[in-house]
Structures are given as C-alpha cells and as structure tokens.
Amino acid sequence: CAEGVSGFVVGDISIGNGAGSNFQTKCSSVYTATITPAADGAVTIDVGADVATDAATNTNTAATQLSVTNDETKPTVTITSDASNPQSGAFTATFTFSEAVTGFVIGDITIDNGAVSNFQTTSASVYTATITSVAVVETTVYIAADKAADAAENNNQAATDLTVTDDK
C-alpha cells in the first residue's frame, strides 16, 4: 500500500446516475465500493478535494472524474416489408434494430409457410431478406428474443410478427 490516509468515507464519493454501497478499506490507501447505476447513460464518480488527510495532515487533491456508460436496455427489432397485402410472389422483409447489433444471421429468421433467402446487411442495425411463400396462405415472419446483441451484450427483444397473405 502507498501512503495511507484517514478520514475517507463513503459519503466522500459523489455518484451521478447511481449509488454507492459496500464501501471497504483494503489498506490505508486503497478503498473499494460497489457502484450501482440508476439508469442507462453516463455514471460519474467523483472524489472532491480535502476529504482525506495523510500522516502529515496534508489533504488530498480532487480525483479525476471516472465516467462509465451504463447500457442495460435490450435492442428492439421491427419487421417491415415492401409487400402489398395480399401479395403475389416474393417480397423483401426489412429487420430494423433500435441500435447496432452483432450476431444476427439468416438462421435467426423464422418463416411459417415460406422460405428466406438473399440475406443482406444494410448497416449494423438494418438487415433485409427475400421471403417467398410456399402456398396460398398467410406467410408469417418471426424474430425471437436473444438472436442478436448490442455492444453492451444486451440481447434483443422479440419482434412483433409480420404476416402477409399470398394470393398466387
């Protein structure tokens, strides 16, 4: 441990968009706390000047602010298409996520009464595919939960299904 200080307590930590708990002294110069975010966004941690003193009664200088971005929101996905309803023949479905995701592949698209092909990535949040009906019935396109993840590793929510009637 480096030069020890005294007088440093959990109340000396200012937390923006969160709360501190489990404050512990590891040694007279190392302290830890659990920081729990209140919401998505920046969580800031500050320690002001003059809250602790060393053996010579020198007080501390203010710490450089620590800022961490909290993201606990699952991405949503919306399925749209260029199909008229009823539709004759193949149509293009577009899968738009609320933010950039990774891991979304053609096998994540479930089709009732149809087939999926020509999967394309338009951007990190927009994908397209060709949907071809296999019978004169309704074709439904699904995206289940947990098929893609955002940068914070939050898995997607399930999409509202898209149903198109084929009039071949």
Protein backbone atom coordinates (compact mmCIF):
# COMPACT_ATOMS: atom_id res chain seq x y z
CA CYS A 1 0.00 0.00 0.00
CA ALA A 2 1.08 3.55 -0.71
CA GLU A 3 0.97 6.40 1.79
CA GLY A 4 -2.07 5.94 3.96
CA VAL A 5 -4.85 8.45 4.54
CA SER A 6 -7.55 8.83 7.14
CA GLY A 7 -10.99 10.36 7.14
CA PHE A 8 -12.08 8.98 3.79
CA VAL A 9 -15.68 7.63 3.98
CA VAL A 10 -18.36 6.52 1.50
CA GLY A 11 -20.05 9.93 1.78
CA ASP A 12 -16.96 11.50 0.20
CA ILE A 13 -17.77 9.77 -3.09
CA SER A 14 -20.19 11.69 -5.34
CA ILE A 15 -22.01 9.46 -7.80
CA GLY A 16 -24.06 10.78 -10.70
CA ASN A 17 -26.79 8.44 -12.02
CA GLY A 18 -26.12 5.79 -9.42
CA ALA A 19 -25.49 4.86 -5.82
CA GLY A 20 -22.55 3.51 -3.87
CA SER A 21 -22.53 0.64 -1.41
CA ASN A 22 -20.21 -1.99 0.06
CA PHE A 23 -17.53 0.61 0.87
CA GLN A 24 -14.42 -1.21 2.09
CA THR A 25 -10.90 -0.33 3.16
CA LYS A 26 -8.34 -2.66 1.57
CA CYS A 27 -5.46 -0.83 3.25
CA SER A 28 -4.99 2.75 4.40
CA SER A 29 -4.60 3.96 0.81
CA VAL A 30 -6.91 1.61 -1.16
CA TYR A 31 -10.68 1.72 -0.89
CA THR A 32 -13.39 -0.05 -2.91
CA ALA A 33 -17.11 0.46 -3.39
CA THR A 34 -19.84 -1.15 -5.43
CA ILE A 35 -21.43 1.36 -7.81
CA THR A 36 -24.99 0.56 -8.93
CA PRO A 37 -26.28 2.59 -11.92
CA ALA A 38 -29.75 4.14 -11.63
CA ALA A 39 -30.47 4.24 -15.38
CA ASP A 40 -28.85 3.92 -18.79
CA GLY A 41 -26.33 6.64 -19.61
CA ALA A 42 -23.22 8.08 -18.04
CA VAL A 43 -22.45 7.09 -14.45
CA THR A 44 -19.94 9.52 -12.93
CA ILE A 45 -17.80 9.06 -9.84
CA ASP A 46 -16.07 11.99 -8.17
CA VAL A 47 -13.98 12.44 -5.04
CA GLY A 48 -13.55 16.09 -4.09
CA ALA A 49 -10.51 17.78 -2.60
CA ASP A 50 -9.81 17.88 1.12
CA VAL A 51 -11.79 14.77 2.16
CA ALA A 52 -8.83 12.73 3.45
CA THR A 53 -5.57 13.54 5.19
CA ASP A 54 -2.19 11.85 5.35
CA ALA A 55 0.03 11.48 8.43
CA ALA A 56 1.48 14.97 7.89
CA THR A 57 -2.10 16.42 7.79
CA ASN A 58 -1.89 17.16 4.06
CA THR A 59 -5.27 16.88 2.39
CA ASN A 60 -5.97 15.17 -0.92
CA THR A 61 -6.48 16.85 -4.24
CA ALA A 62 -9.67 16.21 -6.19
CA ALA A 63 -9.67 12.99 -8.18
CA THR A 64 -10.09 12.94 -11.94
CA GLN A 65 -13.72 12.06 -12.64
CA LEU A 66 -14.43 8.49 -13.70
CA SER A 67 -17.28 8.16 -16.19
CA VAL A 68 -18.69 4.83 -17.36
CA THR A 69 -21.60 4.39 -19.76
CA ASN A 70 -24.31 2.06 -18.46
CA ASP A 71 -26.43 0.24 -21.08
CA GLU A 72 -28.95 -2.29 -19.82
CA THR A 73 -31.65 -1.74 -22.46
CA LYS A 74 -32.33 -4.63 -24.83
CA PRO A 75 -32.45 -3.65 -28.51
CA THR A 76 -35.83 -3.87 -30.18
CA VAL A 77 -36.37 -5.12 -33.73
CA THR A 78 -39.13 -4.14 -36.15
CA ILE A 79 -40.04 -6.19 -39.22
CA THR A 80 -41.43 -4.32 -42.23
CA SER A 81 -41.84 -5.27 -45.89
CA ASP A 82 -42.45 -3.97 -49.35
CA ALA A 83 -45.36 -6.44 -49.75
CA SER A 84 -48.87 -5.42 -50.56
CA ASN A 85 -51.43 -7.45 -48.66
CA PRO A 86 -52.35 -9.73 -50.37
CA GLN A 87 -49.02 -10.25 -52.08
CA SER A 88 -48.28 -12.16 -55.24
CA GLY A 89 -44.82 -13.70 -55.19
CA ALA A 90 -41.71 -12.97 -53.18
CA PHE A 91 -41.26 -9.83 -51.12
CA THR A 92 -38.45 -8.12 -49.23
CA ALA A 93 -38.57 -8.02 -45.43
CA THR A 94 -36.53 -5.41 -43.56
CA PHE A 95 -35.36 -6.02 -40.00
CA THR A 96 -34.56 -2.75 -38.22
CA PHE A 97 -32.96 -2.88 -34.77
CA SER A 98 -33.14 0.09 -32.40
CA GLU A 99 -29.32 0.18 -32.27
CA ALA A 100 -26.33 -1.54 -33.83
CA VAL A 101 -26.20 -5.29 -33.16
CA THR A 102 -23.95 -8.23 -33.93
CA GLY A 103 -24.71 -11.90 -34.37
CA PHE A 104 -27.89 -11.55 -36.46
CA VAL A 105 -27.85 -14.15 -39.26
CA ILE A 106 -30.28 -15.68 -41.77
CA GLY A 107 -30.93 -18.61 -39.45
CA ASP A 108 -32.41 -16.22 -36.86
CA ILE A 109 -35.36 -15.52 -39.16
CA THR A 110 -38.24 -17.96 -38.72
CA ILE A 111 -40.83 -18.29 -41.50
CA ASP A 112 -44.19 -20.06 -41.40
CA ASN A 113 -45.32 -21.17 -44.89
CA GLY A 114 -42.36 -19.72 -46.68
CA ALA A 115 -38.63 -19.59 -47.21
CA VAL A 116 -35.99 -16.96 -46.60
CA SER A 117 -33.10 -16.15 -48.94
CA ASN A 118 -30.86 -13.30 -50.09
CA PHE A 119 -29.99 -12.15 -46.56
CA GLN A 120 -28.20 -8.78 -46.70
CA THR A 121 -26.68 -6.41 -44.13
CA THR A 122 -27.56 -2.80 -44.93
CA SER A 123 -25.98 -1.40 -41.75
CA ALA A 124 -25.18 -2.59 -38.23
CA SER A 125 -28.86 -2.09 -37.36
CA VAL A 126 -30.70 -2.83 -40.64
CA TYR A 127 -30.91 -6.18 -42.47
CA THR A 128 -33.02 -7.39 -45.40
CA ALA A 129 -34.06 -10.76 -46.81
CA THR A 130 -36.26 -12.12 -49.57
CA ILE A 131 -39.32 -14.01 -48.32
CA THR A 132 -41.00 -16.48 -50.69
CA SER A 133 -44.36 -18.04 -49.84
CA VAL A 134 -44.74 -21.76 -50.44
CA ALA A 135 -48.53 -21.91 -50.58
CA VAL A 136 -51.61 -19.75 -51.00
CA VAL A 137 -51.84 -18.95 -47.31
CA GLU A 138 -50.51 -16.47 -44.81
CA THR A 139 -46.74 -16.27 -44.53
CA THR A 140 -45.50 -15.13 -41.13
CA VAL A 141 -42.01 -13.81 -40.37
CA TYR A 142 -40.68 -14.04 -36.78
CA ILE A 143 -37.61 -12.90 -34.90
CA ALA A 144 -37.35 -14.46 -31.45
CA ALA A 145 -35.65 -12.85 -28.47
CA ASP A 146 -31.92 -13.30 -27.91
CA LYS A 147 -30.84 -13.58 -31.56
CA ALA A 148 -28.55 -10.52 -31.70
CA ALA A 149 -26.71 -8.38 -29.15
CA ASP A 150 -25.73 -4.74 -28.80
CA ALA A 151 -22.26 -3.51 -27.82
CA ALA A 152 -23.12 -3.92 -24.12
CA GLU A 153 -24.08 -7.56 -24.80
CA ASN A 154 -27.81 -6.96 -24.24
CA ASN A 155 -29.76 -9.50 -26.32
CA ASN A 156 -32.66 -8.29 -28.48
CA GLN A 157 -36.32 -8.41 -27.57
CA ALA A 158 -38.63 -10.49 -29.77
CA ALA A 159 -40.13 -8.67 -32.75
CA THR A 160 -43.82 -8.26 -33.48
CA ASP A 161 -44.54 -10.81 -36.23
CA LEU A 162 -45.11 -9.77 -39.82
CA THR A 163 -47.89 -11.66 -41.65
CA VAL A 164 -48.50 -11.38 -45.41
CA THR A 165 -51.24 -13.21 -47.35
CA ASP A 166 -50.13 -14.77 -50.63
CA ASP A 167 -52.67 -14.68 -53.48
CA LYS A 168 -50.80 -16.82 -56.06
